[in-house]
Amino acid sequence: CVSSQVGCALECRFCATGRQGFNRNLTSAEIIA
């Protein structure tokens, strides 16, 4: 299970990631890494 962003901006109410806010997109290197 791979991440694509640092945090998330969509704020789905039942998701812990959405509660923490959003910082930036990951690069392709950070995704494939």
ModelCIF file with pLDDT and N, C-alpha, C, O atoms, coordinates in Angstrom:
data_MODEL
#
_entry.id   MODEL 
#
_entity.id                         1 
_entity.type                       polymer 
_entity.pdbx_number_of_molecules   1 
#
_entity_poly.entity_id                      1 
_entity_poly.type                           'polypeptide(L)' 
_entity_poly.nstd_linkage                   no 
_entity_poly.nstd_monomer                   no 
_entity_poly.pdbx_seq_one_letter_code       CVSSQVGCALECRFCATGRQGFNRNLTSAEIIA 
_entity_poly.pdbx_seq_one_letter_code_can   CVSSQVGCALECRFCATGRQGFNRNLTSAEIIA 
_entity_poly.pdbx_strand_id                 A 
#
loop_
_entity_poly_seq.entity_id 
_entity_poly_seq.num 
_entity_poly_seq.mon_id 
_entity_poly_seq.hetero 
1 1  CYS n 
1 2  VAL n 
1 3  SER n 
1 4  SER n 
1 5  GLN n 
1 6  VAL n 
1 7  GLY n 
1 8  CYS n 
1 9  ALA n 
1 10 LEU n 
1 11 GLU n 
1 12 CYS n 
1 13 ARG n 
1 14 PHE n 
1 15 CYS n 
1 16 ALA n 
1 17 THR n 
1 18 GLY n 
1 19 ARG n 
1 20 GLN n 
1 21 GLY n 
1 22 PHE n 
1 23 ASN n 
1 24 ARG n 
1 25 ASN n 
1 26 LEU n 
1 27 THR n 
1 28 SER n 
1 29 ALA n 
1 30 GLU n 
1 31 ILE n 
1 32 ILE n 
1 33 ALA n 
#
_struct_asym.id          A 
_struct_asym.entity_id   1 
#
loop_
_ma_qa_metric.id 
_ma_qa_metric.mode 
_ma_qa_metric.name 
_ma_qa_metric.software_group_id 
_ma_qa_metric.type 
1 global pLDDT . pLDDT 
2 local  pLDDT . pLDDT 
#
_ma_qa_metric_global.metric_id      1 
_ma_qa_metric_global.metric_value   88.58 
_ma_qa_metric_global.model_id       1 
_ma_qa_metric_global.ordinal_id     1 
#
loop_
_ma_qa_metric_local.label_asym_id 
_ma_qa_metric_local.label_comp_id 
_ma_qa_metric_local.label_seq_id 
_ma_qa_metric_local.metric_id 
_ma_qa_metric_local.metric_value 
_ma_qa_metric_local.model_id 
_ma_qa_metric_local.ordinal_id 
A CYS 1  2 95.00 1 1  
A VAL 2  2 96.00 1 2  
A SER 3  2 95.00 1 3  
A SER 4  2 95.00 1 4  
A GLN 5  2 94.00 1 5  
A VAL 6  2 92.00 1 6  
A GLY 7  2 87.00 1 7  
A CYS 8  2 87.00 1 8  
A ALA 9  2 86.00 1 9  
A LEU 10 2 88.00 1 10 
A GLU 11 2 85.00 1 11 
A CYS 12 2 88.00 1 12 
A ARG 13 2 86.00 1 13 
A PHE 14 2 87.00 1 14 
A CYS 15 2 85.00 1 15 
A ALA 16 2 80.00 1 16 
A THR 17 2 75.00 1 17 
A GLY 18 2 71.00 1 18 
A ARG 19 2 74.00 1 19 
A GLN 20 2 75.00 1 20 
A GLY 21 2 80.00 1 21 
A PHE 22 2 85.00 1 22 
A ASN 23 2 88.00 1 23 
A ARG 24 2 90.00 1 24 
A ASN 25 2 94.00 1 25 
A LEU 26 2 95.00 1 26 
A THR 27 2 95.00 1 27 
A SER 28 2 96.00 1 28 
A ALA 29 2 95.00 1 29 
A GLU 30 2 95.00 1 30 
A ILE 31 2 97.00 1 31 
A ILE 32 2 97.00 1 32 
A ALA 33 2 95.00 1 33 
#
loop_
_atom_site.group_PDB 
_atom_site.id 
_atom_site.type_symbol 
_atom_site.label_atom_id 
_atom_site.label_alt_id 
_atom_site.label_comp_id 
_atom_site.label_asym_id 
_atom_site.label_entity_id 
_atom_site.label_seq_id 
_atom_site.pdbx_PDB_ins_code 
_atom_site.Cartn_x 
_atom_site.Cartn_y 
_atom_site.Cartn_z 
_atom_site.occupancy 
_atom_site.B_iso_or_equiv 
_atom_site.pdbx_formal_charge 
_atom_site.auth_seq_id 
_atom_site.auth_comp_id 
_atom_site.auth_asym_id 
_atom_site.auth_atom_id 
_atom_site.pdbx_PDB_model_num 
ATOM 1   N N  . CYS A 1 1  ? 0.856   -1.180 0.000  1.00 95.00 ? 1  CYS A N  1 
ATOM 2   C CA . CYS A 1 1  ? 0.000   0.000  0.000  1.00 95.00 ? 1  CYS A CA 1 
ATOM 3   C C  . CYS A 1 1  ? 0.897   1.236  0.000  1.00 95.00 ? 1  CYS A C  1 
ATOM 4   O O  . CYS A 1 1  ? 1.654   1.465  0.943  1.00 95.00 ? 1  CYS A O  1 
ATOM 5   N N  . VAL A 1 2  ? 0.804   2.026  -1.063 1.00 96.00 ? 2  VAL A N  1 
ATOM 6   C CA . VAL A 1 2  ? 1.737   3.111  -1.341 1.00 96.00 ? 2  VAL A CA 1 
ATOM 7   C C  . VAL A 1 2  ? 1.050   4.458  -1.172 1.00 96.00 ? 2  VAL A C  1 
ATOM 8   O O  . VAL A 1 2  ? -0.114  4.620  -1.540 1.00 96.00 ? 2  VAL A O  1 
ATOM 9   N N  . SER A 1 3  ? 1.775   5.422  -0.614 1.00 95.00 ? 3  SER A N  1 
ATOM 10  C CA . SER A 1 3  ? 1.282   6.789  -0.456 1.00 95.00 ? 3  SER A CA 1 
ATOM 11  C C  . SER A 1 3  ? 1.654   7.631  -1.671 1.00 95.00 ? 3  SER A C  1 
ATOM 12  O O  . SER A 1 3  ? 2.654   7.366  -2.340 1.00 95.00 ? 3  SER A O  1 
ATOM 13  N N  . SER A 1 4  ? 0.837   8.655  -1.952 1.00 95.00 ? 4  SER A N  1 
ATOM 14  C CA . SER A 1 4  ? 1.090   9.538  -3.092 1.00 95.00 ? 4  SER A CA 1 
ATOM 15  C C  . SER A 1 4  ? 1.236   11.003 -2.692 1.00 95.00 ? 4  SER A C  1 
ATOM 16  O O  . SER A 1 4  ? 1.683   11.821 -3.497 1.00 95.00 ? 4  SER A O  1 
ATOM 17  N N  . GLN A 1 5  ? 0.865   11.342 -1.465 1.00 94.00 ? 5  GLN A N  1 
ATOM 18  C CA . GLN A 1 5  ? 1.000   12.701 -0.960 1.00 94.00 ? 5  GLN A CA 1 
ATOM 19  C C  . GLN A 1 5  ? 1.424   12.655 0.504  1.00 94.00 ? 5  GLN A C  1 
ATOM 20  O O  . GLN A 1 5  ? 1.251   11.640 1.178  1.00 94.00 ? 5  GLN A O  1 
ATOM 21  N N  . VAL A 1 6  ? 1.980   13.759 0.986  1.00 92.00 ? 6  VAL A N  1 
ATOM 22  C CA . VAL A 1 6  ? 2.232   13.909 2.420  1.00 92.00 ? 6  VAL A CA 1 
ATOM 23  C C  . VAL A 1 6  ? 0.963   14.500 3.014  1.00 92.00 ? 6  VAL A C  1 
ATOM 24  O O  . VAL A 1 6  ? 0.691   15.691 2.865  1.00 92.00 ? 6  VAL A O  1 
ATOM 25  N N  . GLY A 1 7  ? 0.189   13.654 3.690  1.00 87.00 ? 7  GLY A N  1 
ATOM 26  C CA . GLY A 1 7  ? -1.114  14.069 4.168  1.00 87.00 ? 7  GLY A CA 1 
ATOM 27  C C  . GLY A 1 7  ? -2.140  14.001 3.054  1.00 87.00 ? 7  GLY A C  1 
ATOM 28  O O  . GLY A 1 7  ? -1.909  13.366 2.024  1.00 87.00 ? 7  GLY A O  1 
ATOM 29  N N  . CYS A 1 8  ? -3.273  14.654 3.258  1.00 87.00 ? 8  CYS A N  1 
ATOM 30  C CA . CYS A 1 8  ? -4.335  14.660 2.251  1.00 87.00 ? 8  CYS A CA 1 
ATOM 31  C C  . CYS A 1 8  ? -5.209  15.888 2.472  1.00 87.00 ? 8  CYS A C  1 
ATOM 32  O O  . CYS A 1 8  ? -5.485  16.278 3.606  1.00 87.00 ? 8  CYS A O  1 
ATOM 33  N N  . ALA A 1 9  ? -5.639  16.491 1.358  1.00 86.00 ? 9  ALA A N  1 
ATOM 34  C CA . ALA A 1 9  ? -6.430  17.722 1.443  1.00 86.00 ? 9  ALA A CA 1 
ATOM 35  C C  . ALA A 1 9  ? -7.925  17.481 1.414  1.00 86.00 ? 9  ALA A C  1 
ATOM 36  O O  . ALA A 1 9  ? -8.691  18.430 1.584  1.00 86.00 ? 9  ALA A O  1 
ATOM 37  N N  . LEU A 1 10 ? -8.375  16.250 1.206  1.00 88.00 ? 10 LEU A N  1 
ATOM 38  C CA . LEU A 1 10 ? -9.795  16.024 0.952  1.00 88.00 ? 10 LEU A CA 1 
ATOM 39  C C  . LEU A 1 10 ? -10.651 15.925 2.207  1.00 88.00 ? 10 LEU A C  1 
ATOM 40  O O  . LEU A 1 10 ? -11.868 16.091 2.124  1.00 88.00 ? 10 LEU A O  1 
ATOM 41  N N  . GLU A 1 11 ? -10.069 15.666 3.336  1.00 85.00 ? 11 GLU A N  1 
ATOM 42  C CA . GLU A 1 11 ? -10.776 15.689 4.622  1.00 85.00 ? 11 GLU A CA 1 
ATOM 43  C C  . GLU A 1 11 ? -11.999 14.780 4.676  1.00 85.00 ? 11 GLU A C  1 
ATOM 44  O O  . GLU A 1 11 ? -13.040 15.177 5.199  1.00 85.00 ? 11 GLU A O  1 
ATOM 45  N N  . CYS A 1 12 ? -11.887 13.571 4.143  1.00 88.00 ? 12 CYS A N  1 
ATOM 46  C CA . CYS A 1 12 ? -12.963 12.594 4.345  1.00 88.00 ? 12 CYS A CA 1 
ATOM 47  C C  . CYS A 1 12 ? -13.116 12.373 5.848  1.00 88.00 ? 12 CYS A C  1 
ATOM 48  O O  . CYS A 1 12 ? -12.126 12.180 6.554  1.00 88.00 ? 12 CYS A O  1 
ATOM 49  N N  . ARG A 1 13 ? -14.331 12.399 6.325  1.00 86.00 ? 13 ARG A N  1 
ATOM 50  C CA . ARG A 1 13 ? -14.574 12.493 7.765  1.00 86.00 ? 13 ARG A CA 1 
ATOM 51  C C  . ARG A 1 13 ? -14.147 11.249 8.546  1.00 86.00 ? 13 ARG A C  1 
ATOM 52  O O  . ARG A 1 13 ? -13.886 11.338 9.746  1.00 86.00 ? 13 ARG A O  1 
ATOM 53  N N  . PHE A 1 14 ? -14.074 10.111 7.894  1.00 87.00 ? 14 PHE A N  1 
ATOM 54  C CA . PHE A 1 14 ? -13.774 8.866  8.601  1.00 87.00 ? 14 PHE A CA 1 
ATOM 55  C C  . PHE A 1 14 ? -12.311 8.459  8.449  1.00 87.00 ? 14 PHE A C  1 
ATOM 56  O O  . PHE A 1 14 ? -11.944 7.351  8.841  1.00 87.00 ? 14 PHE A O  1 
ATOM 57  N N  . CYS A 1 15 ? -11.465 9.326  7.890  1.00 85.00 ? 15 CYS A N  1 
ATOM 58  C CA . CYS A 1 15 ? -10.086 8.976  7.558  1.00 85.00 ? 15 CYS A CA 1 
ATOM 59  C C  . CYS A 1 15 ? -9.103  9.745  8.435  1.00 85.00 ? 15 CYS A C  1 
ATOM 60  O O  . CYS A 1 15 ? -9.169  10.971 8.523  1.00 85.00 ? 15 CYS A O  1 
ATOM 61  N N  . ALA A 1 16 ? -8.188  9.016  9.085  1.00 80.00 ? 16 ALA A N  1 
ATOM 62  C CA . ALA A 1 16 ? -7.197  9.650  9.958  1.00 80.00 ? 16 ALA A CA 1 
ATOM 63  C C  . ALA A 1 16 ? -6.261  10.551 9.170  1.00 80.00 ? 16 ALA A C  1 
ATOM 64  O O  . ALA A 1 16 ? -5.882  11.618 9.653  1.00 80.00 ? 16 ALA A O  1 
ATOM 65  N N  . THR A 1 17 ? -5.883  10.141 7.970  1.00 75.00 ? 17 THR A N  1 
ATOM 66  C CA . THR A 1 17 ? -4.985  10.956 7.155  1.00 75.00 ? 17 THR A CA 1 
ATOM 67  C C  . THR A 1 17 ? -5.614  12.303 6.828  1.00 75.00 ? 17 THR A C  1 
ATOM 68  O O  . THR A 1 17 ? -4.951  13.338 6.880  1.00 75.00 ? 17 THR A O  1 
ATOM 69  N N  . GLY A 1 18 ? -6.908  12.279 6.490  1.00 71.00 ? 18 GLY A N  1 
ATOM 70  C CA . GLY A 1 18 ? -7.587  13.522 6.156  1.00 71.00 ? 18 GLY A CA 1 
ATOM 71  C C  . GLY A 1 18 ? -7.663  14.489 7.310  1.00 71.00 ? 18 GLY A C  1 
ATOM 72  O O  . GLY A 1 18 ? -7.774  15.697 7.100  1.00 71.00 ? 18 GLY A O  1 
ATOM 73  N N  . ARG A 1 19 ? -7.605  13.975 8.539  1.00 74.00 ? 19 ARG A N  1 
ATOM 74  C CA . ARG A 1 19 ? -7.676  14.846 9.716  1.00 74.00 ? 19 ARG A CA 1 
ATOM 75  C C  . ARG A 1 19 ? -6.378  15.619 9.950  1.00 74.00 ? 19 ARG A C  1 
ATOM 76  O O  . ARG A 1 19 ? -6.390  16.640 10.638 1.00 74.00 ? 19 ARG A O  1 
ATOM 77  N N  . GLN A 1 20 ? -5.273  15.157 9.397  1.00 75.00 ? 20 GLN A N  1 
ATOM 78  C CA . GLN A 1 20 ? -3.991  15.758 9.740  1.00 75.00 ? 20 GLN A CA 1 
ATOM 79  C C  . GLN A 1 20 ? -3.612  16.915 8.827  1.00 75.00 ? 20 GLN A C  1 
ATOM 80  O O  . GLN A 1 20 ? -2.647  17.625 9.109  1.00 75.00 ? 20 GLN A O  1 
ATOM 81  N N  . GLY A 1 21 ? -4.351  17.122 7.737  1.00 80.00 ? 21 GLY A N  1 
ATOM 82  C CA . GLY A 1 21 ? -4.009  18.204 6.824  1.00 80.00 ? 21 GLY A CA 1 
ATOM 83  C C  . GLY A 1 21 ? -3.126  17.734 5.692  1.00 80.00 ? 21 GLY A C  1 
ATOM 84  O O  . GLY A 1 21 ? -2.851  16.541 5.561  1.00 80.00 ? 21 GLY A O  1 
ATOM 85  N N  . PHE A 1 22 ? -2.685  18.664 4.879  1.00 85.00 ? 22 PHE A N  1 
ATOM 86  C CA . PHE A 1 22 ? -1.940  18.367 3.661  1.00 85.00 ? 22 PHE A CA 1 
ATOM 87  C C  . PHE A 1 22 ? -0.696  19.230 3.614  1.00 85.00 ? 22 PHE A C  1 
ATOM 88  O O  . PHE A 1 22 ? -0.738  20.414 3.946  1.00 85.00 ? 22 PHE A O  1 
ATOM 89  N N  . ASN A 1 23 ? 0.420   18.627 3.196  1.00 88.00 ? 23 ASN A N  1 
ATOM 90  C CA . ASN A 1 23 ? 1.643   19.399 3.067  1.00 88.00 ? 23 ASN A CA 1 
ATOM 91  C C  . ASN A 1 23 ? 2.088   19.546 1.614  1.00 88.00 ? 23 ASN A C  1 
ATOM 92  O O  . ASN A 1 23 ? 2.253   20.664 1.124  1.00 88.00 ? 23 ASN A O  1 
ATOM 93  N N  . ARG A 1 24 ? 2.286   18.410 0.917  1.00 90.00 ? 24 ARG A N  1 
ATOM 94  C CA . ARG A 1 24 ? 2.746   18.510 -0.467 1.00 90.00 ? 24 ARG A CA 1 
ATOM 95  C C  . ARG A 1 24 ? 2.543   17.187 -1.194 1.00 90.00 ? 24 ARG A C  1 
ATOM 96  O O  . ARG A 1 24 ? 2.277   16.151 -0.585 1.00 90.00 ? 24 ARG A O  1 
ATOM 97  N N  . ASN A 1 25 ? 2.678   17.255 -2.522 1.00 94.00 ? 25 ASN A N  1 
ATOM 98  C CA . ASN A 1 25 ? 2.690   16.056 -3.345 1.00 94.00 ? 25 ASN A CA 1 
ATOM 99  C C  . ASN A 1 25 ? 4.034   15.353 -3.240 1.00 94.00 ? 25 ASN A C  1 
ATOM 100 O O  . ASN A 1 25 ? 5.062   16.000 -3.044 1.00 94.00 ? 25 ASN A O  1 
ATOM 101 N N  . LEU A 1 26 ? 4.029   14.055 -3.366 1.00 95.00 ? 26 LEU A N  1 
ATOM 102 C CA . LEU A 1 26 ? 5.274   13.304 -3.479 1.00 95.00 ? 26 LEU A CA 1 
ATOM 103 C C  . LEU A 1 26 ? 5.767   13.346 -4.923 1.00 95.00 ? 26 LEU A C  1 
ATOM 104 O O  . LEU A 1 26 ? 4.969   13.438 -5.856 1.00 95.00 ? 26 LEU A O  1 
ATOM 105 N N  . THR A 1 27 ? 7.079   13.279 -5.099 1.00 95.00 ? 27 THR A N  1 
ATOM 106 C CA . THR A 1 27 ? 7.651   13.156 -6.433 1.00 95.00 ? 27 THR A CA 1 
ATOM 107 C C  . THR A 1 27 ? 7.534   11.703 -6.893 1.00 95.00 ? 27 THR A C  1 
ATOM 108 O O  . THR A 1 27 ? 7.277   10.802 -6.095 1.00 95.00 ? 27 THR A O  1 
ATOM 109 N N  . SER A 1 28 ? 7.729   11.498 -8.196 1.00 96.00 ? 28 SER A N  1 
ATOM 110 C CA . SER A 1 28 ? 7.705   10.126 -8.707 1.00 96.00 ? 28 SER A CA 1 
ATOM 111 C C  . SER A 1 28 ? 8.777   9.283  -8.031 1.00 96.00 ? 28 SER A C  1 
ATOM 112 O O  . SER A 1 28 ? 8.570   8.094  -7.788 1.00 96.00 ? 28 SER A O  1 
ATOM 113 N N  . ALA A 1 29 ? 9.929   9.891  -7.725 1.00 95.00 ? 29 ALA A N  1 
ATOM 114 C CA . ALA A 1 29 ? 10.995  9.161  -7.037 1.00 95.00 ? 29 ALA A CA 1 
ATOM 115 C C  . ALA A 1 29 ? 10.543  8.721  -5.646 1.00 95.00 ? 29 ALA A C  1 
ATOM 116 O O  . ALA A 1 29 ? 10.837  7.603  -5.224 1.00 95.00 ? 29 ALA A O  1 
ATOM 117 N N  . GLU A 1 30 ? 9.834   9.591  -4.935 1.00 95.00 ? 30 GLU A N  1 
ATOM 118 C CA . GLU A 1 30 ? 9.376   9.253  -3.588 1.00 95.00 ? 30 GLU A CA 1 
ATOM 119 C C  . GLU A 1 30 ? 8.268   8.203  -3.614 1.00 95.00 ? 30 GLU A C  1 
ATOM 120 O O  . GLU A 1 30 ? 8.125   7.423  -2.673 1.00 95.00 ? 30 GLU A O  1 
ATOM 121 N N  . ILE A 1 31 ? 7.489   8.187  -4.688 1.00 97.00 ? 31 ILE A N  1 
ATOM 122 C CA . ILE A 1 31 ? 6.425   7.183  -4.808 1.00 97.00 ? 31 ILE A CA 1 
ATOM 123 C C  . ILE A 1 31 ? 7.024   5.821  -5.131 1.00 97.00 ? 31 ILE A C  1 
ATOM 124 O O  . ILE A 1 31 ? 6.737   4.837  -4.450 1.00 97.00 ? 31 ILE A O  1 
ATOM 125 N N  . ILE A 1 32 ? 7.857   5.761  -6.170 1.00 97.00 ? 32 ILE A N  1 
ATOM 126 C CA . ILE A 1 32 ? 8.425   4.466  -6.564 1.00 97.00 ? 32 ILE A CA 1 
ATOM 127 C C  . ILE A 1 32 ? 9.425   3.983  -5.522 1.00 97.00 ? 32 ILE A C  1 
ATOM 128 O O  . ILE A 1 32 ? 9.646   2.778  -5.394 1.00 97.00 ? 32 ILE A O  1 
ATOM 129 N N  . ALA A 1 33 ? 10.030  4.900  -4.778 1.00 95.00 ? 33 ALA A N  1 
ATOM 130 C CA . ALA A 1 33 ? 10.981  4.496  -3.746 1.00 95.00 ? 33 ALA A CA 1 
ATOM 131 C C  . ALA A 1 33 ? 10.329  3.628  -2.676 1.00 95.00 ? 33 ALA A C  1 
ATOM 132 O O  . ALA A 1 33 ? 10.998  3.204  -1.733 1.00 95.00 ? 33 ALA A O  1 
#
